[in-house]
Amino acid sequence: MNDLHRLPSLNALKAFVAVAEQGSISMAAQQLHVTHGAVSRQIKLLEEELNTSLLEKQGRGIKLTDAGQQLYQNCQPAFRTIAESCQQLRQQQQEKPLVLACSGSLLARWLIPRLPPLQQALPDLPLQLVTSADDERPQQQADLSLSFMNNPVADELLIPLEQERIGPVLATALAQQLDLDSNKAIPQLPLLHTLSRPQAWPDWARHNGIPPDSLHMGQGFPHLSYLLEAVLAGLGIGIAPEQLIRADLEQGRLLAPWGFVSTDAWLCVQIHNISQRQRIEKLTGLLATLS
């Protein structure tokens, strides 16, 4: 609009409208959460720009001059319209789903089991779930994303939820065939792994004092979900984050006889849309209790 450059400072106009409605500079300052002096300066700047007095003393208080009354009658409806428009936009943002991106493995094995308590606790916070093409790089075209990150540093846009713990797992039937109760050494079976994280087995081995070059590496899979299906089918021993297989362990589908070790990675929430930060923090706070 060509008229924009002709407008005075909107902060000055807002201060003036507040004074006009409150009938006091001090009360206007409290409403705007600024100092008395800040409001007085804005009024003075506005009067200088318009080359007219807008306020005058009346006893111990102040009142609008004729020019001030004219300006207020024109500004007040405009500010009301702006406020209503902004409120409508905020309401629309509150009603639209939060878009949460994560890998397919995290979605299927960590997030979906937590959806019922999330929906029960936050019925007015709908989620739209999107998945990435691999296990390591969630889509960024989202309000927030969930992923494992190495050595995260928490800040206002990054919220660590839980430290990763990885370990070897195998199907219960395969464990019975191997008689692992009497022999806890890693058998000479194919060690299944994900192509996106080939270092998982060597890292676990070093942590347990096992030479990585002594491992018998088997089939690699592009996604963790495929790896776990292969493990459940008894094709070998896999390695996986404990967070993603808790249900399988609790229900006896998988066993983890060699235990788990902590890594430098944490399951984290990244905030991508800062305008949704308040809703995301509400969601994240609940997710932390469900970890």
Protein backbone atom coordinates (compact mmCIF):
# COMPACT_ATOMS: atom_id res chain seq x y z
CA MET A 1 0.00 0.00 0.00
CA ASN A 2 1.30 3.45 -0.93
CA ASP A 3 -0.17 4.90 2.27
CA LEU A 4 2.02 2.85 4.58
CA HIS A 5 4.90 5.30 4.49
CA ARG A 6 2.52 8.04 5.63
CA LEU A 7 1.55 6.22 8.82
CA PRO A 8 3.10 7.23 12.14
CA SER A 9 4.74 4.65 14.37
CA LEU A 10 2.30 1.86 15.21
CA ASN A 11 3.87 1.62 18.67
CA ALA A 12 3.09 5.30 19.20
CA LEU A 13 -0.48 4.83 17.99
CA LYS A 14 -0.89 1.81 20.27
CA ALA A 15 0.39 3.80 23.23
CA PHE A 16 -2.00 6.65 22.40
CA VAL A 17 -5.02 4.35 22.15
CA ALA A 18 -4.09 2.75 25.47
CA VAL A 19 -3.86 6.16 27.16
CA ALA A 20 -7.16 7.23 25.63
CA GLU A 21 -8.91 4.08 26.89
CA GLN A 22 -7.29 4.02 30.33
CA GLY A 23 -7.43 7.79 30.91
CA SER A 24 -3.97 7.60 32.44
CA ILE A 25 -0.43 7.27 31.19
CA SER A 26 0.51 5.13 34.21
CA MET A 27 -2.37 2.71 33.66
CA ALA A 28 -1.59 2.57 29.93
CA ALA A 29 2.03 1.74 30.77
CA GLN A 30 0.87 -1.14 32.99
CA GLN A 31 -1.42 -2.44 30.25
CA LEU A 32 1.42 -2.36 27.71
CA HIS A 33 4.02 -3.70 30.18
CA VAL A 34 6.34 -0.72 29.64
CA THR A 35 7.41 2.24 31.75
CA HIS A 36 5.55 5.50 32.25
CA GLY A 37 8.40 7.29 30.50
CA ALA A 38 8.23 5.00 27.46
CA VAL A 39 4.52 5.81 26.95
CA SER A 40 5.13 9.55 27.44
CA ARG A 41 7.88 9.48 24.81
CA GLN A 42 5.66 7.68 22.31
CA ILE A 43 2.88 10.25 22.81
CA LYS A 44 5.34 13.12 22.39
CA LEU A 45 6.74 11.60 19.17
CA LEU A 46 3.21 11.16 17.83
CA GLU A 47 2.26 14.75 18.63
CA GLU A 48 5.42 16.00 16.94
CA GLU A 49 4.75 13.91 13.84
CA LEU A 50 1.13 15.09 13.61
CA ASN A 51 2.05 18.64 14.65
CA THR A 52 -0.80 18.85 17.15
CA SER A 53 -1.54 18.21 20.80
CA LEU A 54 -3.45 15.04 21.54
CA LEU A 55 -3.66 15.20 25.34
CA GLU A 56 -4.18 17.97 27.85
CA LYS A 57 -4.24 18.12 31.62
CA GLN A 58 -7.53 17.95 33.49
CA GLY A 59 -7.01 18.39 37.22
CA ARG A 60 -4.69 15.61 38.26
CA GLY A 61 -5.49 13.60 35.18
CA ILE A 62 -5.51 14.03 31.43
CA LYS A 63 -8.10 14.14 28.68
CA LEU A 64 -8.10 14.03 24.91
CA THR A 65 -7.99 17.22 22.94
CA ASP A 66 -10.39 17.59 20.02
CA ALA A 67 -7.62 16.35 17.74
CA GLY A 68 -6.96 13.50 20.12
CA GLN A 69 -10.62 12.54 20.19
CA GLN A 70 -10.74 12.55 16.40
CA LEU A 71 -7.63 10.37 16.15
CA TYR A 72 -8.93 7.94 18.78
CA GLN A 73 -12.32 7.54 17.09
CA ASN A 74 -10.54 6.54 13.87
CA CYS A 75 -7.76 4.44 15.39
CA GLN A 76 -9.74 2.44 17.92
CA PRO A 77 -11.92 0.57 15.37
CA ALA A 78 -8.84 -0.10 13.23
CA PHE A 79 -6.96 -1.60 16.18
CA ARG A 80 -10.01 -3.66 17.12
CA THR A 81 -10.14 -5.03 13.56
CA ILE A 82 -6.42 -5.86 13.67
CA ALA A 83 -6.79 -7.56 17.06
CA GLU A 84 -9.77 -9.63 15.87
CA SER A 85 -7.95 -10.63 12.70
CA CYS A 86 -4.87 -11.72 14.68
CA GLN A 87 -7.03 -13.67 17.10
CA GLN A 88 -8.72 -15.47 14.22
CA LEU A 89 -5.32 -16.42 12.81
CA ARG A 90 -4.15 -17.67 16.21
CA GLN A 91 -7.31 -19.72 16.57
CA GLN A 92 -6.81 -21.23 13.13
CA GLN A 93 -3.25 -22.17 14.06
CA GLN A 94 -4.47 -23.77 17.28
CA GLU A 95 -7.04 -25.85 15.40
CA LYS A 96 -4.75 -27.13 12.64
CA PRO A 97 -2.83 -30.37 13.29
CA LEU A 98 0.78 -30.29 14.38
CA VAL A 99 2.88 -31.91 11.66
CA LEU A 100 5.34 -34.33 13.28
CA ALA A 101 8.03 -35.96 11.14
CA CYS A 102 10.02 -39.04 12.08
CA SER A 103 11.44 -42.19 10.57
CA GLY A 104 9.14 -45.10 9.83
CA SER A 105 10.83 -47.15 12.54
CA LEU A 106 10.27 -44.50 15.19
CA LEU A 107 6.69 -44.02 14.06
CA ALA A 108 5.79 -47.71 14.15
CA ARG A 109 7.75 -48.78 17.23
CA TRP A 110 7.90 -45.71 19.48
CA LEU A 111 5.27 -43.13 18.60
CA ILE A 112 2.21 -45.16 17.59
CA PRO A 113 2.15 -47.14 20.87
CA ARG A 114 2.05 -43.79 22.68
CA LEU A 115 -0.74 -42.26 20.60
CA PRO A 116 -3.64 -43.50 22.79
CA PRO A 117 -2.39 -41.79 25.98
CA LEU A 118 -1.39 -38.72 23.96
CA GLN A 119 -4.84 -38.41 22.42
CA GLN A 120 -6.50 -38.98 25.77
CA ALA A 121 -4.39 -36.36 27.55
CA LEU A 122 -4.37 -33.82 24.70
CA PRO A 123 -7.67 -34.25 22.81
CA ASP A 124 -7.50 -30.71 21.41
CA LEU A 125 -4.02 -31.16 19.93
CA PRO A 126 -4.37 -33.17 16.69
CA LEU A 127 -1.26 -34.63 15.05
CA GLN A 128 -0.43 -35.19 11.39
CA LEU A 129 2.32 -37.79 11.13
CA VAL A 130 4.76 -37.89 8.22
CA THR A 131 7.69 -40.23 7.70
CA SER A 132 11.08 -39.82 6.09
CA ALA A 133 12.73 -41.93 3.43
CA ASP A 134 15.26 -43.39 5.86
CA ASP A 135 15.87 -43.92 9.55
CA GLU A 136 18.32 -41.04 10.00
CA ARG A 137 16.85 -37.99 8.26
CA PRO A 138 13.30 -37.02 9.24
CA GLN A 139 11.55 -34.60 6.92
CA GLN A 140 12.09 -30.99 7.83
CA GLN A 141 8.85 -29.67 6.27
CA ALA A 142 7.12 -30.11 9.61
CA ASP A 143 6.34 -28.27 12.83
CA LEU A 144 8.56 -30.67 14.74
CA SER A 145 10.58 -33.83 14.18
CA LEU A 146 11.59 -36.78 16.30
CA SER A 147 14.96 -38.46 15.77
CA PHE A 148 18.06 -39.86 17.45
CA MET A 149 20.88 -37.28 17.54
CA ASN A 150 24.48 -37.66 18.64
CA ASN A 151 25.65 -35.48 21.54
CA PRO A 152 22.69 -33.08 21.43
CA VAL A 153 22.91 -29.75 23.22
CA ALA A 154 19.52 -28.76 24.58
CA ASP A 155 18.21 -25.32 23.69
CA GLU A 156 14.87 -23.67 22.98
CA LEU A 157 14.53 -25.56 19.69
CA LEU A 158 16.06 -28.91 20.68
CA ILE A 159 14.63 -31.06 23.48
CA PRO A 160 16.37 -34.36 24.38
CA LEU A 161 13.89 -36.95 25.66
CA GLU A 162 15.86 -40.13 26.39
CA GLN A 163 19.41 -41.45 25.92
CA GLU A 164 19.72 -44.25 23.41
CA ARG A 165 20.63 -47.76 24.57
CA ILE A 166 21.52 -50.39 21.96
CA GLY A 167 22.11 -54.10 22.17
CA PRO A 168 21.90 -57.44 20.35
CA VAL A 169 18.49 -59.09 20.10
CA LEU A 170 17.20 -62.33 18.67
CA ALA A 171 13.95 -64.22 18.32
CA THR A 172 12.91 -66.35 21.29
CA ALA A 173 12.74 -69.50 19.18
CA LEU A 174 16.28 -68.98 17.90
CA ALA A 175 17.54 -68.38 21.44
CA GLN A 176 16.06 -71.71 22.52
CA GLN A 177 17.78 -73.48 19.62
CA LEU A 178 21.12 -71.96 20.65
CA ASP A 179 20.69 -72.89 24.34
CA LEU A 180 21.80 -69.42 25.39
CA ASP A 181 20.99 -70.09 29.04
CA SER A 182 24.23 -72.04 29.30
CA ASN A 183 26.35 -70.02 26.88
CA LYS A 184 26.10 -66.24 26.75
CA ALA A 185 28.86 -65.72 24.16
CA ILE A 186 27.76 -64.25 20.83
CA PRO A 187 27.29 -67.32 18.58
CA GLN A 188 28.88 -67.48 15.17
CA LEU A 189 25.61 -66.52 13.52
CA PRO A 190 25.02 -63.78 10.96
CA LEU A 191 24.89 -60.41 12.71
CA LEU A 192 22.16 -58.42 10.99
CA HIS A 193 22.57 -54.66 10.70
CA THR A 194 21.17 -51.54 9.05
CA LEU A 195 22.98 -49.97 6.12
CA SER A 196 22.29 -46.50 7.55
CA ARG A 197 24.19 -47.36 10.75
CA PRO A 198 26.99 -49.84 10.05
CA GLN A 199 28.94 -48.69 13.11
CA ALA A 200 26.34 -49.99 15.59
CA TRP A 201 27.83 -53.48 15.95
CA PRO A 202 31.47 -52.32 16.16
CA ASP A 203 30.54 -49.69 18.76
CA TRP A 204 28.72 -52.27 20.88
CA ALA A 205 31.61 -54.74 20.52
CA ARG A 206 34.25 -52.21 21.62
CA HIS A 207 32.12 -51.26 24.62
CA ASN A 208 32.06 -54.92 25.65
CA GLY A 209 35.74 -55.59 25.00
CA ILE A 210 35.12 -57.62 21.85
CA PRO A 211 37.37 -57.00 18.82
CA PRO A 212 35.10 -55.62 16.08
CA ASP A 213 36.95 -57.59 13.40
CA SER A 214 35.92 -60.83 15.11
CA LEU A 215 32.26 -60.18 14.38
CA HIS A 216 30.56 -62.27 11.69
CA MET A 217 28.59 -59.61 9.83
CA GLY A 218 25.55 -60.80 7.90
CA GLN A 219 22.78 -59.20 5.85
CA GLY A 220 22.37 -55.43 5.85
CA PHE A 221 18.94 -53.81 5.63
CA PRO A 222 18.01 -50.28 4.50
CA HIS A 223 15.66 -49.66 7.44
CA LEU A 224 15.54 -50.74 11.05
CA SER A 225 11.98 -51.99 10.65
CA TYR A 226 13.17 -54.49 8.00
CA LEU A 227 16.04 -55.58 10.22
CA LEU A 228 13.69 -56.31 13.11
CA GLU A 229 11.34 -58.29 10.89
CA ALA A 230 14.32 -60.41 9.83
CA VAL A 231 15.28 -60.91 13.48
CA LEU A 232 11.72 -61.95 14.38
CA ALA A 233 11.83 -64.42 11.50
CA GLY A 234 14.89 -66.05 13.07
CA LEU A 235 17.37 -65.05 10.35
CA GLY A 236 20.07 -64.03 12.79
CA ILE A 237 20.99 -61.67 15.60
CA GLY A 238 20.22 -58.00 15.14
CA ILE A 239 21.16 -54.86 17.01
CA ALA A 240 18.61 -52.23 17.89
CA PRO A 241 17.77 -49.37 20.27
CA GLU A 242 16.08 -50.68 23.40
CA GLN A 243 13.51 -47.86 23.12
CA LEU A 244 12.14 -49.32 19.90
CA ILE A 245 11.80 -52.95 20.99
CA ARG A 246 10.44 -52.68 24.54
CA ALA A 247 7.07 -54.12 23.55
CA ASP A 248 8.76 -57.07 21.79
CA LEU A 249 10.88 -57.76 24.89
CA GLU A 250 7.95 -57.43 27.30
CA GLN A 251 5.79 -59.74 25.20
CA GLY A 252 8.55 -62.31 24.72
CA ARG A 253 8.91 -62.02 20.96
CA LEU A 254 12.54 -60.94 21.30
CA LEU A 255 15.26 -61.59 23.83
CA ALA A 256 18.25 -59.42 24.71
CA PRO A 257 20.56 -61.82 26.63
CA TRP A 258 23.65 -59.61 26.20
CA GLY A 259 22.00 -56.47 27.55
CA PHE A 260 22.21 -52.90 26.29
CA VAL A 261 24.81 -50.13 26.39
CA SER A 262 24.28 -46.39 26.33
CA THR A 263 25.45 -44.45 23.29
CA ASP A 264 26.15 -40.77 22.64
CA ALA A 265 22.78 -40.46 20.91
CA TRP A 266 19.55 -39.17 22.42
CA LEU A 267 15.99 -39.36 21.19
CA CYS A 268 15.23 -35.68 20.56
CA VAL A 269 12.44 -33.37 19.53
CA GLN A 270 13.46 -30.58 17.16
CA ILE A 271 11.16 -27.59 16.82
CA HIS A 272 11.01 -26.29 13.25
CA ASN A 273 7.98 -23.98 13.48
CA ILE A 274 8.64 -21.53 16.29
CA SER A 275 5.08 -20.14 16.05
CA GLN A 276 3.85 -23.53 17.31
CA ARG A 277 6.35 -23.67 20.14
CA GLN A 278 3.78 -23.49 22.96
CA ARG A 279 1.75 -26.41 21.57
CA ILE A 280 4.91 -28.40 20.81
CA GLU A 281 6.23 -27.94 24.35
CA LYS A 282 2.91 -29.22 25.72
CA LEU A 283 3.24 -32.30 23.51
CA THR A 284 6.92 -32.76 24.33
CA GLY A 285 6.29 -32.52 28.06
CA LEU A 286 3.85 -35.42 27.82
CA LEU A 287 6.16 -37.43 25.54
CA ALA A 288 8.92 -37.11 28.13
CA THR A 289 6.69 -38.73 30.76
CA LEU A 290 5.91 -41.59 28.37
CA SER A 291 9.54 -42.32 27.43
